[in-house]
Amino acid sequence: NDSIYNGANDDASGTTAVIALAKY
C-alpha cells in the first residue's frame, strides 16, 4: 500500500549533505 518512492538515501541524503555544507 505504499506507492511513493521517497528516495531518502538516493539521494535526499546527498542533497541534505550539500545543504549542511553550504550552511557550514
PDBML (XML) file of the C-alpha atoms, coordinates in Angstrom:
<?xml version="1.0" encoding="UTF-8" ?>
<PDBx:datablock datablockName="MODEL"
   xmlns:PDBx="http://pdbml.pdb.org/schema/pdbx-v50.xsd"
   xmlns:xsi="http://www.w3.org/2001/XMLSchema-instance"
   xsi:schemaLocation="http://pdbml.pdb.org/schema/pdbx-v50.xsd pdbx-v50.xsd">
   <PDBx:atom_siteCategory>
      <PDBx:atom_site id="1">
         <PDBx:B_iso_or_equiv>0.00</PDBx:B_iso_or_equiv>
         <PDBx:Cartn_x>0.000</PDBx:Cartn_x>
         <PDBx:Cartn_y>0.000</PDBx:Cartn_y>
         <PDBx:Cartn_z>0.000</PDBx:Cartn_z>
         <PDBx:auth_asym_id>A</PDBx:auth_asym_id>
         <PDBx:auth_atom_id>CA</PDBx:auth_atom_id>
         <PDBx:auth_comp_id>ASN</PDBx:auth_comp_id>
         <PDBx:auth_seq_id>1</PDBx:auth_seq_id>
         <PDBx:group_PDB>ATOM</PDBx:group_PDB>
         <PDBx:label_alt_id xsi:nil="true" />
         <PDBx:label_asym_id>A</PDBx:label_asym_id>
         <PDBx:label_atom_id>CA</PDBx:label_atom_id>
         <PDBx:label_comp_id>ASN</PDBx:label_comp_id>
         <PDBx:label_entity_id>1</PDBx:label_entity_id>
         <PDBx:label_seq_id>1</PDBx:label_seq_id>
         <PDBx:occupancy>1.00</PDBx:occupancy>
         <PDBx:pdbx_PDB_model_num>1</PDBx:pdbx_PDB_model_num>
         <PDBx:type_symbol>C</PDBx:type_symbol>
      </PDBx:atom_site>
      <PDBx:atom_site id="2">
         <PDBx:B_iso_or_equiv>0.00</PDBx:B_iso_or_equiv>
         <PDBx:Cartn_x>2.988</PDBx:Cartn_x>
         <PDBx:Cartn_y>2.356</PDBx:Cartn_y>
         <PDBx:Cartn_z>-0.368</PDBx:Cartn_z>
         <PDBx:auth_asym_id>A</PDBx:auth_asym_id>
         <PDBx:auth_atom_id>CA</PDBx:auth_atom_id>
         <PDBx:auth_comp_id>ASP</PDBx:auth_comp_id>
         <PDBx:auth_seq_id>2</PDBx:auth_seq_id>
         <PDBx:group_PDB>ATOM</PDBx:group_PDB>
         <PDBx:label_alt_id xsi:nil="true" />
         <PDBx:label_asym_id>A</PDBx:label_asym_id>
         <PDBx:label_atom_id>CA</PDBx:label_atom_id>
         <PDBx:label_comp_id>ASP</PDBx:label_comp_id>
         <PDBx:label_entity_id>1</PDBx:label_entity_id>
         <PDBx:label_seq_id>2</PDBx:label_seq_id>
         <PDBx:occupancy>1.00</PDBx:occupancy>
         <PDBx:pdbx_PDB_model_num>1</PDBx:pdbx_PDB_model_num>
         <PDBx:type_symbol>C</PDBx:type_symbol>
      </PDBx:atom_site>
      <PDBx:atom_site id="3">
         <PDBx:B_iso_or_equiv>0.00</PDBx:B_iso_or_equiv>
         <PDBx:Cartn_x>3.494</PDBx:Cartn_x>
         <PDBx:Cartn_y>3.741</PDBx:Cartn_y>
         <PDBx:Cartn_z>-3.869</PDBx:Cartn_z>
         <PDBx:auth_asym_id>A</PDBx:auth_asym_id>
         <PDBx:auth_atom_id>CA</PDBx:auth_atom_id>
         <PDBx:auth_comp_id>SER</PDBx:auth_comp_id>
         <PDBx:auth_seq_id>3</PDBx:auth_seq_id>
         <PDBx:group_PDB>ATOM</PDBx:group_PDB>
         <PDBx:label_alt_id xsi:nil="true" />
         <PDBx:label_asym_id>A</PDBx:label_asym_id>
         <PDBx:label_atom_id>CA</PDBx:label_atom_id>
         <PDBx:label_comp_id>SER</PDBx:label_comp_id>
         <PDBx:label_entity_id>1</PDBx:label_entity_id>
         <PDBx:label_seq_id>3</PDBx:label_seq_id>
         <PDBx:occupancy>1.00</PDBx:occupancy>
         <PDBx:pdbx_PDB_model_num>1</PDBx:pdbx_PDB_model_num>
         <PDBx:type_symbol>C</PDBx:type_symbol>
      </PDBx:atom_site>
      <PDBx:atom_site id="4">
         <PDBx:B_iso_or_equiv>0.00</PDBx:B_iso_or_equiv>
         <PDBx:Cartn_x>5.824</PDBx:Cartn_x>
         <PDBx:Cartn_y>6.669</PDBx:Cartn_y>
         <PDBx:Cartn_z>-3.080</PDBx:Cartn_z>
         <PDBx:auth_asym_id>A</PDBx:auth_asym_id>
         <PDBx:auth_atom_id>CA</PDBx:auth_atom_id>
         <PDBx:auth_comp_id>ILE</PDBx:auth_comp_id>
         <PDBx:auth_seq_id>4</PDBx:auth_seq_id>
         <PDBx:group_PDB>ATOM</PDBx:group_PDB>
         <PDBx:label_alt_id xsi:nil="true" />
         <PDBx:label_asym_id>A</PDBx:label_asym_id>
         <PDBx:label_atom_id>CA</PDBx:label_atom_id>
         <PDBx:label_comp_id>ILE</PDBx:label_comp_id>
         <PDBx:label_entity_id>1</PDBx:label_entity_id>
         <PDBx:label_seq_id>4</PDBx:label_seq_id>
         <PDBx:occupancy>1.00</PDBx:occupancy>
         <PDBx:pdbx_PDB_model_num>1</PDBx:pdbx_PDB_model_num>
         <PDBx:type_symbol>C</PDBx:type_symbol>
      </PDBx:atom_site>
      <PDBx:atom_site id="5">
         <PDBx:B_iso_or_equiv>0.00</PDBx:B_iso_or_equiv>
         <PDBx:Cartn_x>9.492</PDBx:Cartn_x>
         <PDBx:Cartn_y>6.077</PDBx:Cartn_y>
         <PDBx:Cartn_z>-3.817</PDBx:Cartn_z>
         <PDBx:auth_asym_id>A</PDBx:auth_asym_id>
         <PDBx:auth_atom_id>CA</PDBx:auth_atom_id>
         <PDBx:auth_comp_id>TYR</PDBx:auth_comp_id>
         <PDBx:auth_seq_id>5</PDBx:auth_seq_id>
         <PDBx:group_PDB>ATOM</PDBx:group_PDB>
         <PDBx:label_alt_id xsi:nil="true" />
         <PDBx:label_asym_id>A</PDBx:label_asym_id>
         <PDBx:label_atom_id>CA</PDBx:label_atom_id>
         <PDBx:label_comp_id>TYR</PDBx:label_comp_id>
         <PDBx:label_entity_id>1</PDBx:label_entity_id>
         <PDBx:label_seq_id>5</PDBx:label_seq_id>
         <PDBx:occupancy>1.00</PDBx:occupancy>
         <PDBx:pdbx_PDB_model_num>1</PDBx:pdbx_PDB_model_num>
         <PDBx:type_symbol>C</PDBx:type_symbol>
      </PDBx:atom_site>
      <PDBx:atom_site id="6">
         <PDBx:B_iso_or_equiv>0.00</PDBx:B_iso_or_equiv>
         <PDBx:Cartn_x>10.791</PDBx:Cartn_x>
         <PDBx:Cartn_y>8.566</PDBx:Cartn_y>
         <PDBx:Cartn_z>-1.244</PDBx:Cartn_z>
         <PDBx:auth_asym_id>A</PDBx:auth_asym_id>
         <PDBx:auth_atom_id>CA</PDBx:auth_atom_id>
         <PDBx:auth_comp_id>ASN</PDBx:auth_comp_id>
         <PDBx:auth_seq_id>6</PDBx:auth_seq_id>
         <PDBx:group_PDB>ATOM</PDBx:group_PDB>
         <PDBx:label_alt_id xsi:nil="true" />
         <PDBx:label_asym_id>A</PDBx:label_asym_id>
         <PDBx:label_atom_id>CA</PDBx:label_atom_id>
         <PDBx:label_comp_id>ASN</PDBx:label_comp_id>
         <PDBx:label_entity_id>1</PDBx:label_entity_id>
         <PDBx:label_seq_id>6</PDBx:label_seq_id>
         <PDBx:occupancy>1.00</PDBx:occupancy>
         <PDBx:pdbx_PDB_model_num>1</PDBx:pdbx_PDB_model_num>
         <PDBx:type_symbol>C</PDBx:type_symbol>
      </PDBx:atom_site>
      <PDBx:atom_site id="7">
         <PDBx:B_iso_or_equiv>0.00</PDBx:B_iso_or_equiv>
         <PDBx:Cartn_x>14.481</PDBx:Cartn_x>
         <PDBx:Cartn_y>8.238</PDBx:Cartn_y>
         <PDBx:Cartn_z>-2.133</PDBx:Cartn_z>
         <PDBx:auth_asym_id>A</PDBx:auth_asym_id>
         <PDBx:auth_atom_id>CA</PDBx:auth_atom_id>
         <PDBx:auth_comp_id>GLY</PDBx:auth_comp_id>
         <PDBx:auth_seq_id>7</PDBx:auth_seq_id>
         <PDBx:group_PDB>ATOM</PDBx:group_PDB>
         <PDBx:label_alt_id xsi:nil="true" />
         <PDBx:label_asym_id>A</PDBx:label_asym_id>
         <PDBx:label_atom_id>CA</PDBx:label_atom_id>
         <PDBx:label_comp_id>GLY</PDBx:label_comp_id>
         <PDBx:label_entity_id>1</PDBx:label_entity_id>
         <PDBx:label_seq_id>7</PDBx:label_seq_id>
         <PDBx:occupancy>1.00</PDBx:occupancy>
         <PDBx:pdbx_PDB_model_num>1</PDBx:pdbx_PDB_model_num>
         <PDBx:type_symbol>C</PDBx:type_symbol>
      </PDBx:atom_site>
      <PDBx:atom_site id="8">
         <PDBx:B_iso_or_equiv>0.00</PDBx:B_iso_or_equiv>
         <PDBx:Cartn_x>15.679</PDBx:Cartn_x>
         <PDBx:Cartn_y>9.052</PDBx:Cartn_y>
         <PDBx:Cartn_z>1.369</PDBx:Cartn_z>
         <PDBx:auth_asym_id>A</PDBx:auth_asym_id>
         <PDBx:auth_atom_id>CA</PDBx:auth_atom_id>
         <PDBx:auth_comp_id>ALA</PDBx:auth_comp_id>
         <PDBx:auth_seq_id>8</PDBx:auth_seq_id>
         <PDBx:group_PDB>ATOM</PDBx:group_PDB>
         <PDBx:label_alt_id xsi:nil="true" />
         <PDBx:label_asym_id>A</PDBx:label_asym_id>
         <PDBx:label_atom_id>CA</PDBx:label_atom_id>
         <PDBx:label_comp_id>ALA</PDBx:label_comp_id>
         <PDBx:label_entity_id>1</PDBx:label_entity_id>
         <PDBx:label_seq_id>8</PDBx:label_seq_id>
         <PDBx:occupancy>1.00</PDBx:occupancy>
         <PDBx:pdbx_PDB_model_num>1</PDBx:pdbx_PDB_model_num>
         <PDBx:type_symbol>C</PDBx:type_symbol>
      </PDBx:atom_site>
      <PDBx:atom_site id="9">
         <PDBx:B_iso_or_equiv>0.00</PDBx:B_iso_or_equiv>
         <PDBx:Cartn_x>19.094</PDBx:Cartn_x>
         <PDBx:Cartn_y>7.530</PDBx:Cartn_y>
         <PDBx:Cartn_z>0.778</PDBx:Cartn_z>
         <PDBx:auth_asym_id>A</PDBx:auth_asym_id>
         <PDBx:auth_atom_id>CA</PDBx:auth_atom_id>
         <PDBx:auth_comp_id>ASN</PDBx:auth_comp_id>
         <PDBx:auth_seq_id>9</PDBx:auth_seq_id>
         <PDBx:group_PDB>ATOM</PDBx:group_PDB>
         <PDBx:label_alt_id xsi:nil="true" />
         <PDBx:label_asym_id>A</PDBx:label_asym_id>
         <PDBx:label_atom_id>CA</PDBx:label_atom_id>
         <PDBx:label_comp_id>ASN</PDBx:label_comp_id>
         <PDBx:label_entity_id>1</PDBx:label_entity_id>
         <PDBx:label_seq_id>9</PDBx:label_seq_id>
         <PDBx:occupancy>1.00</PDBx:occupancy>
         <PDBx:pdbx_PDB_model_num>1</PDBx:pdbx_PDB_model_num>
         <PDBx:type_symbol>C</PDBx:type_symbol>
      </PDBx:atom_site>
      <PDBx:atom_site id="10">
         <PDBx:B_iso_or_equiv>0.00</PDBx:B_iso_or_equiv>
         <PDBx:Cartn_x>19.014</PDBx:Cartn_x>
         <PDBx:Cartn_y>8.045</PDBx:Cartn_y>
         <PDBx:Cartn_z>-3.010</PDBx:Cartn_z>
         <PDBx:auth_asym_id>A</PDBx:auth_asym_id>
         <PDBx:auth_atom_id>CA</PDBx:auth_atom_id>
         <PDBx:auth_comp_id>ASP</PDBx:auth_comp_id>
         <PDBx:auth_seq_id>10</PDBx:auth_seq_id>
         <PDBx:group_PDB>ATOM</PDBx:group_PDB>
         <PDBx:label_alt_id xsi:nil="true" />
         <PDBx:label_asym_id>A</PDBx:label_asym_id>
         <PDBx:label_atom_id>CA</PDBx:label_atom_id>
         <PDBx:label_comp_id>ASP</PDBx:label_comp_id>
         <PDBx:label_entity_id>1</PDBx:label_entity_id>
         <PDBx:label_seq_id>10</PDBx:label_seq_id>
         <PDBx:occupancy>1.00</PDBx:occupancy>
         <PDBx:pdbx_PDB_model_num>1</PDBx:pdbx_PDB_model_num>
         <PDBx:type_symbol>C</PDBx:type_symbol>
      </PDBx:atom_site>
      <PDBx:atom_site id="11">
         <PDBx:B_iso_or_equiv>0.00</PDBx:B_iso_or_equiv>
         <PDBx:Cartn_x>19.672</PDBx:Cartn_x>
         <PDBx:Cartn_y>10.905</PDBx:Cartn_y>
         <PDBx:Cartn_z>-2.900</PDBx:Cartn_z>
         <PDBx:auth_asym_id>A</PDBx:auth_asym_id>
         <PDBx:auth_atom_id>CA</PDBx:auth_atom_id>
         <PDBx:auth_comp_id>ASP</PDBx:auth_comp_id>
         <PDBx:auth_seq_id>11</PDBx:auth_seq_id>
         <PDBx:group_PDB>ATOM</PDBx:group_PDB>
         <PDBx:label_alt_id xsi:nil="true" />
         <PDBx:label_asym_id>A</PDBx:label_asym_id>
         <PDBx:label_atom_id>CA</PDBx:label_atom_id>
         <PDBx:label_comp_id>ASP</PDBx:label_comp_id>
         <PDBx:label_entity_id>1</PDBx:label_entity_id>
         <PDBx:label_seq_id>11</PDBx:label_seq_id>
         <PDBx:occupancy>1.00</PDBx:occupancy>
         <PDBx:pdbx_PDB_model_num>1</PDBx:pdbx_PDB_model_num>
         <PDBx:type_symbol>C</PDBx:type_symbol>
      </PDBx:atom_site>
      <PDBx:atom_site id="12">
         <PDBx:B_iso_or_equiv>0.00</PDBx:B_iso_or_equiv>
         <PDBx:Cartn_x>17.939</PDBx:Cartn_x>
         <PDBx:Cartn_y>13.018</PDBx:Cartn_y>
         <PDBx:Cartn_z>-0.284</PDBx:Cartn_z>
         <PDBx:auth_asym_id>A</PDBx:auth_asym_id>
         <PDBx:auth_atom_id>CA</PDBx:auth_atom_id>
         <PDBx:auth_comp_id>ALA</PDBx:auth_comp_id>
         <PDBx:auth_seq_id>12</PDBx:auth_seq_id>
         <PDBx:group_PDB>ATOM</PDBx:group_PDB>
         <PDBx:label_alt_id xsi:nil="true" />
         <PDBx:label_asym_id>A</PDBx:label_asym_id>
         <PDBx:label_atom_id>CA</PDBx:label_atom_id>
         <PDBx:label_comp_id>ALA</PDBx:label_comp_id>
         <PDBx:label_entity_id>1</PDBx:label_entity_id>
         <PDBx:label_seq_id>12</PDBx:label_seq_id>
         <PDBx:occupancy>1.00</PDBx:occupancy>
         <PDBx:pdbx_PDB_model_num>1</PDBx:pdbx_PDB_model_num>
         <PDBx:type_symbol>C</PDBx:type_symbol>
      </PDBx:atom_site>
      <PDBx:atom_site id="13">
         <PDBx:B_iso_or_equiv>0.00</PDBx:B_iso_or_equiv>
         <PDBx:Cartn_x>20.910</PDBx:Cartn_x>
         <PDBx:Cartn_y>12.052</PDBx:Cartn_y>
         <PDBx:Cartn_z>1.902</PDBx:Cartn_z>
         <PDBx:auth_asym_id>A</PDBx:auth_asym_id>
         <PDBx:auth_atom_id>CA</PDBx:auth_atom_id>
         <PDBx:auth_comp_id>SER</PDBx:auth_comp_id>
         <PDBx:auth_seq_id>13</PDBx:auth_seq_id>
         <PDBx:group_PDB>ATOM</PDBx:group_PDB>
         <PDBx:label_alt_id xsi:nil="true" />
         <PDBx:label_asym_id>A</PDBx:label_asym_id>
         <PDBx:label_atom_id>CA</PDBx:label_atom_id>
         <PDBx:label_comp_id>SER</PDBx:label_comp_id>
         <PDBx:label_entity_id>1</PDBx:label_entity_id>
         <PDBx:label_seq_id>13</PDBx:label_seq_id>
         <PDBx:occupancy>1.00</PDBx:occupancy>
         <PDBx:pdbx_PDB_model_num>1</PDBx:pdbx_PDB_model_num>
         <PDBx:type_symbol>C</PDBx:type_symbol>
      </PDBx:atom_site>
      <PDBx:atom_site id="14">
         <PDBx:B_iso_or_equiv>0.00</PDBx:B_iso_or_equiv>
         <PDBx:Cartn_x>23.386</PDBx:Cartn_x>
         <PDBx:Cartn_y>13.631</PDBx:Cartn_y>
         <PDBx:Cartn_z>-0.516</PDBx:Cartn_z>
         <PDBx:auth_asym_id>A</PDBx:auth_asym_id>
         <PDBx:auth_atom_id>CA</PDBx:auth_atom_id>
         <PDBx:auth_comp_id>GLY</PDBx:auth_comp_id>
         <PDBx:auth_seq_id>14</PDBx:auth_seq_id>
         <PDBx:group_PDB>ATOM</PDBx:group_PDB>
         <PDBx:label_alt_id xsi:nil="true" />
         <PDBx:label_asym_id>A</PDBx:label_asym_id>
         <PDBx:label_atom_id>CA</PDBx:label_atom_id>
         <PDBx:label_comp_id>GLY</PDBx:label_comp_id>
         <PDBx:label_entity_id>1</PDBx:label_entity_id>
         <PDBx:label_seq_id>14</PDBx:label_seq_id>
         <PDBx:occupancy>1.00</PDBx:occupancy>
         <PDBx:pdbx_PDB_model_num>1</PDBx:pdbx_PDB_model_num>
         <PDBx:type_symbol>C</PDBx:type_symbol>
      </PDBx:atom_site>
      <PDBx:atom_site id="15">
         <PDBx:B_iso_or_equiv>0.00</PDBx:B_iso_or_equiv>
         <PDBx:Cartn_x>21.232</PDBx:Cartn_x>
         <PDBx:Cartn_y>16.720</PDBx:Cartn_y>
         <PDBx:Cartn_z>-1.006</PDBx:Cartn_z>
         <PDBx:auth_asym_id>A</PDBx:auth_asym_id>
         <PDBx:auth_atom_id>CA</PDBx:auth_atom_id>
         <PDBx:auth_comp_id>THR</PDBx:auth_comp_id>
         <PDBx:auth_seq_id>15</PDBx:auth_seq_id>
         <PDBx:group_PDB>ATOM</PDBx:group_PDB>
         <PDBx:label_alt_id xsi:nil="true" />
         <PDBx:label_asym_id>A</PDBx:label_asym_id>
         <PDBx:label_atom_id>CA</PDBx:label_atom_id>
         <PDBx:label_comp_id>THR</PDBx:label_comp_id>
         <PDBx:label_entity_id>1</PDBx:label_entity_id>
         <PDBx:label_seq_id>15</PDBx:label_seq_id>
         <PDBx:occupancy>1.00</PDBx:occupancy>
         <PDBx:pdbx_PDB_model_num>1</PDBx:pdbx_PDB_model_num>
         <PDBx:type_symbol>C</PDBx:type_symbol>
      </PDBx:atom_site>
      <PDBx:atom_site id="16">
         <PDBx:B_iso_or_equiv>0.00</PDBx:B_iso_or_equiv>
         <PDBx:Cartn_x>20.977</PDBx:Cartn_x>
         <PDBx:Cartn_y>17.080</PDBx:Cartn_y>
         <PDBx:Cartn_z>2.773</PDBx:Cartn_z>
         <PDBx:auth_asym_id>A</PDBx:auth_asym_id>
         <PDBx:auth_atom_id>CA</PDBx:auth_atom_id>
         <PDBx:auth_comp_id>THR</PDBx:auth_comp_id>
         <PDBx:auth_seq_id>16</PDBx:auth_seq_id>
         <PDBx:group_PDB>ATOM</PDBx:group_PDB>
         <PDBx:label_alt_id xsi:nil="true" />
         <PDBx:label_asym_id>A</PDBx:label_asym_id>
         <PDBx:label_atom_id>CA</PDBx:label_atom_id>
         <PDBx:label_comp_id>THR</PDBx:label_comp_id>
         <PDBx:label_entity_id>1</PDBx:label_entity_id>
         <PDBx:label_seq_id>16</PDBx:label_seq_id>
         <PDBx:occupancy>1.00</PDBx:occupancy>
         <PDBx:pdbx_PDB_model_num>1</PDBx:pdbx_PDB_model_num>
         <PDBx:type_symbol>C</PDBx:type_symbol>
      </PDBx:atom_site>
      <PDBx:atom_site id="17">
         <PDBx:B_iso_or_equiv>0.00</PDBx:B_iso_or_equiv>
         <PDBx:Cartn_x>24.773</PDBx:Cartn_x>
         <PDBx:Cartn_y>16.979</PDBx:Cartn_y>
         <PDBx:Cartn_z>2.919</PDBx:Cartn_z>
         <PDBx:auth_asym_id>A</PDBx:auth_asym_id>
         <PDBx:auth_atom_id>CA</PDBx:auth_atom_id>
         <PDBx:auth_comp_id>ALA</PDBx:auth_comp_id>
         <PDBx:auth_seq_id>17</PDBx:auth_seq_id>
         <PDBx:group_PDB>ATOM</PDBx:group_PDB>
         <PDBx:label_alt_id xsi:nil="true" />
         <PDBx:label_asym_id>A</PDBx:label_asym_id>
         <PDBx:label_atom_id>CA</PDBx:label_atom_id>
         <PDBx:label_comp_id>ALA</PDBx:label_comp_id>
         <PDBx:label_entity_id>1</PDBx:label_entity_id>
         <PDBx:label_seq_id>17</PDBx:label_seq_id>
         <PDBx:occupancy>1.00</PDBx:occupancy>
         <PDBx:pdbx_PDB_model_num>1</PDBx:pdbx_PDB_model_num>
         <PDBx:type_symbol>C</PDBx:type_symbol>
      </PDBx:atom_site>
      <PDBx:atom_site id="18">
         <PDBx:B_iso_or_equiv>0.00</PDBx:B_iso_or_equiv>
         <PDBx:Cartn_x>25.088</PDBx:Cartn_x>
         <PDBx:Cartn_y>19.715</PDBx:Cartn_y>
         <PDBx:Cartn_z>0.287</PDBx:Cartn_z>
         <PDBx:auth_asym_id>A</PDBx:auth_asym_id>
         <PDBx:auth_atom_id>CA</PDBx:auth_atom_id>
         <PDBx:auth_comp_id>VAL</PDBx:auth_comp_id>
         <PDBx:auth_seq_id>18</PDBx:auth_seq_id>
         <PDBx:group_PDB>ATOM</PDBx:group_PDB>
         <PDBx:label_alt_id xsi:nil="true" />
         <PDBx:label_asym_id>A</PDBx:label_asym_id>
         <PDBx:label_atom_id>CA</PDBx:label_atom_id>
         <PDBx:label_comp_id>VAL</PDBx:label_comp_id>
         <PDBx:label_entity_id>1</PDBx:label_entity_id>
         <PDBx:label_seq_id>18</PDBx:label_seq_id>
         <PDBx:occupancy>1.00</PDBx:occupancy>
         <PDBx:pdbx_PDB_model_num>1</PDBx:pdbx_PDB_model_num>
         <PDBx:type_symbol>C</PDBx:type_symbol>
      </PDBx:atom_site>
      <PDBx:atom_site id="19">
         <PDBx:B_iso_or_equiv>0.00</PDBx:B_iso_or_equiv>
         <PDBx:Cartn_x>22.697</PDBx:Cartn_x>
         <PDBx:Cartn_y>21.965</PDBx:Cartn_y>
         <PDBx:Cartn_z>2.229</PDBx:Cartn_z>
         <PDBx:auth_asym_id>A</PDBx:auth_asym_id>
         <PDBx:auth_atom_id>CA</PDBx:auth_atom_id>
         <PDBx:auth_comp_id>ILE</PDBx:auth_comp_id>
         <PDBx:auth_seq_id>19</PDBx:auth_seq_id>
         <PDBx:group_PDB>ATOM</PDBx:group_PDB>
         <PDBx:label_alt_id xsi:nil="true" />
         <PDBx:label_asym_id>A</PDBx:label_asym_id>
         <PDBx:label_atom_id>CA</PDBx:label_atom_id>
         <PDBx:label_comp_id>ILE</PDBx:label_comp_id>
         <PDBx:label_entity_id>1</PDBx:label_entity_id>
         <PDBx:label_seq_id>19</PDBx:label_seq_id>
         <PDBx:occupancy>1.00</PDBx:occupancy>
         <PDBx:pdbx_PDB_model_num>1</PDBx:pdbx_PDB_model_num>
         <PDBx:type_symbol>C</PDBx:type_symbol>
      </PDBx:atom_site>
      <PDBx:atom_site id="20">
         <PDBx:B_iso_or_equiv>0.00</PDBx:B_iso_or_equiv>
         <PDBx:Cartn_x>24.556</PDBx:Cartn_x>
         <PDBx:Cartn_y>21.292</PDBx:Cartn_y>
         <PDBx:Cartn_z>5.501</PDBx:Cartn_z>
         <PDBx:auth_asym_id>A</PDBx:auth_asym_id>
         <PDBx:auth_atom_id>CA</PDBx:auth_atom_id>
         <PDBx:auth_comp_id>ALA</PDBx:auth_comp_id>
         <PDBx:auth_seq_id>20</PDBx:auth_seq_id>
         <PDBx:group_PDB>ATOM</PDBx:group_PDB>
         <PDBx:label_alt_id xsi:nil="true" />
         <PDBx:label_asym_id>A</PDBx:label_asym_id>
         <PDBx:label_atom_id>CA</PDBx:label_atom_id>
         <PDBx:label_comp_id>ALA</PDBx:label_comp_id>
         <PDBx:label_entity_id>1</PDBx:label_entity_id>
         <PDBx:label_seq_id>20</PDBx:label_seq_id>
         <PDBx:occupancy>1.00</PDBx:occupancy>
         <PDBx:pdbx_PDB_model_num>1</PDBx:pdbx_PDB_model_num>
         <PDBx:type_symbol>C</PDBx:type_symbol>
      </PDBx:atom_site>
      <PDBx:atom_site id="21">
         <PDBx:B_iso_or_equiv>0.00</PDBx:B_iso_or_equiv>
         <PDBx:Cartn_x>27.910</PDBx:Cartn_x>
         <PDBx:Cartn_y>22.033</PDBx:Cartn_y>
         <PDBx:Cartn_z>3.863</PDBx:Cartn_z>
         <PDBx:auth_asym_id>A</PDBx:auth_asym_id>
         <PDBx:auth_atom_id>CA</PDBx:auth_atom_id>
         <PDBx:auth_comp_id>LEU</PDBx:auth_comp_id>
         <PDBx:auth_seq_id>21</PDBx:auth_seq_id>
         <PDBx:group_PDB>ATOM</PDBx:group_PDB>
         <PDBx:label_alt_id xsi:nil="true" />
         <PDBx:label_asym_id>A</PDBx:label_asym_id>
         <PDBx:label_atom_id>CA</PDBx:label_atom_id>
         <PDBx:label_comp_id>LEU</PDBx:label_comp_id>
         <PDBx:label_entity_id>1</PDBx:label_entity_id>
         <PDBx:label_seq_id>21</PDBx:label_seq_id>
         <PDBx:occupancy>1.00</PDBx:occupancy>
         <PDBx:pdbx_PDB_model_num>1</PDBx:pdbx_PDB_model_num>
         <PDBx:type_symbol>C</PDBx:type_symbol>
      </PDBx:atom_site>
      <PDBx:atom_site id="22">
         <PDBx:B_iso_or_equiv>0.00</PDBx:B_iso_or_equiv>
         <PDBx:Cartn_x>26.559</PDBx:Cartn_x>
         <PDBx:Cartn_y>25.231</PDBx:Cartn_y>
         <PDBx:Cartn_z>2.318</PDBx:Cartn_z>
         <PDBx:auth_asym_id>A</PDBx:auth_asym_id>
         <PDBx:auth_atom_id>CA</PDBx:auth_atom_id>
         <PDBx:auth_comp_id>ALA</PDBx:auth_comp_id>
         <PDBx:auth_seq_id>22</PDBx:auth_seq_id>
         <PDBx:group_PDB>ATOM</PDBx:group_PDB>
         <PDBx:label_alt_id xsi:nil="true" />
         <PDBx:label_asym_id>A</PDBx:label_asym_id>
         <PDBx:label_atom_id>CA</PDBx:label_atom_id>
         <PDBx:label_comp_id>ALA</PDBx:label_comp_id>
         <PDBx:label_entity_id>1</PDBx:label_entity_id>
         <PDBx:label_seq_id>22</PDBx:label_seq_id>
         <PDBx:occupancy>1.00</PDBx:occupancy>
         <PDBx:pdbx_PDB_model_num>1</PDBx:pdbx_PDB_model_num>
         <PDBx:type_symbol>C</PDBx:type_symbol>
      </PDBx:atom_site>
      <PDBx:atom_site id="23">
         <PDBx:B_iso_or_equiv>0.00</PDBx:B_iso_or_equiv>
         <PDBx:Cartn_x>25.497</PDBx:Cartn_x>
         <PDBx:Cartn_y>26.460</PDBx:Cartn_y>
         <PDBx:Cartn_z>5.756</PDBx:Cartn_z>
         <PDBx:auth_asym_id>A</PDBx:auth_asym_id>
         <PDBx:auth_atom_id>CA</PDBx:auth_atom_id>
         <PDBx:auth_comp_id>LYS</PDBx:auth_comp_id>
         <PDBx:auth_seq_id>23</PDBx:auth_seq_id>
         <PDBx:group_PDB>ATOM</PDBx:group_PDB>
         <PDBx:label_alt_id xsi:nil="true" />
         <PDBx:label_asym_id>A</PDBx:label_asym_id>
         <PDBx:label_atom_id>CA</PDBx:label_atom_id>
         <PDBx:label_comp_id>LYS</PDBx:label_comp_id>
         <PDBx:label_entity_id>1</PDBx:label_entity_id>
         <PDBx:label_seq_id>23</PDBx:label_seq_id>
         <PDBx:occupancy>1.00</PDBx:occupancy>
         <PDBx:pdbx_PDB_model_num>1</PDBx:pdbx_PDB_model_num>
         <PDBx:type_symbol>C</PDBx:type_symbol>
      </PDBx:atom_site>
      <PDBx:atom_site id="24">
         <PDBx:B_iso_or_equiv>0.00</PDBx:B_iso_or_equiv>
         <PDBx:Cartn_x>28.813</PDBx:Cartn_x>
         <PDBx:Cartn_y>25.383</PDBx:Cartn_y>
         <PDBx:Cartn_z>7.284</PDBx:Cartn_z>
         <PDBx:auth_asym_id>A</PDBx:auth_asym_id>
         <PDBx:auth_atom_id>CA</PDBx:auth_atom_id>
         <PDBx:auth_comp_id>TYR</PDBx:auth_comp_id>
         <PDBx:auth_seq_id>24</PDBx:auth_seq_id>
         <PDBx:group_PDB>ATOM</PDBx:group_PDB>
         <PDBx:label_alt_id xsi:nil="true" />
         <PDBx:label_asym_id>A</PDBx:label_asym_id>
         <PDBx:label_atom_id>CA</PDBx:label_atom_id>
         <PDBx:label_comp_id>TYR</PDBx:label_comp_id>
         <PDBx:label_entity_id>1</PDBx:label_entity_id>
         <PDBx:label_seq_id>24</PDBx:label_seq_id>
         <PDBx:occupancy>1.00</PDBx:occupancy>
         <PDBx:pdbx_PDB_model_num>1</PDBx:pdbx_PDB_model_num>
         <PDBx:type_symbol>C</PDBx:type_symbol>
      </PDBx:atom_site>
   </PDBx:atom_siteCategory>
</PDBx:datablock>
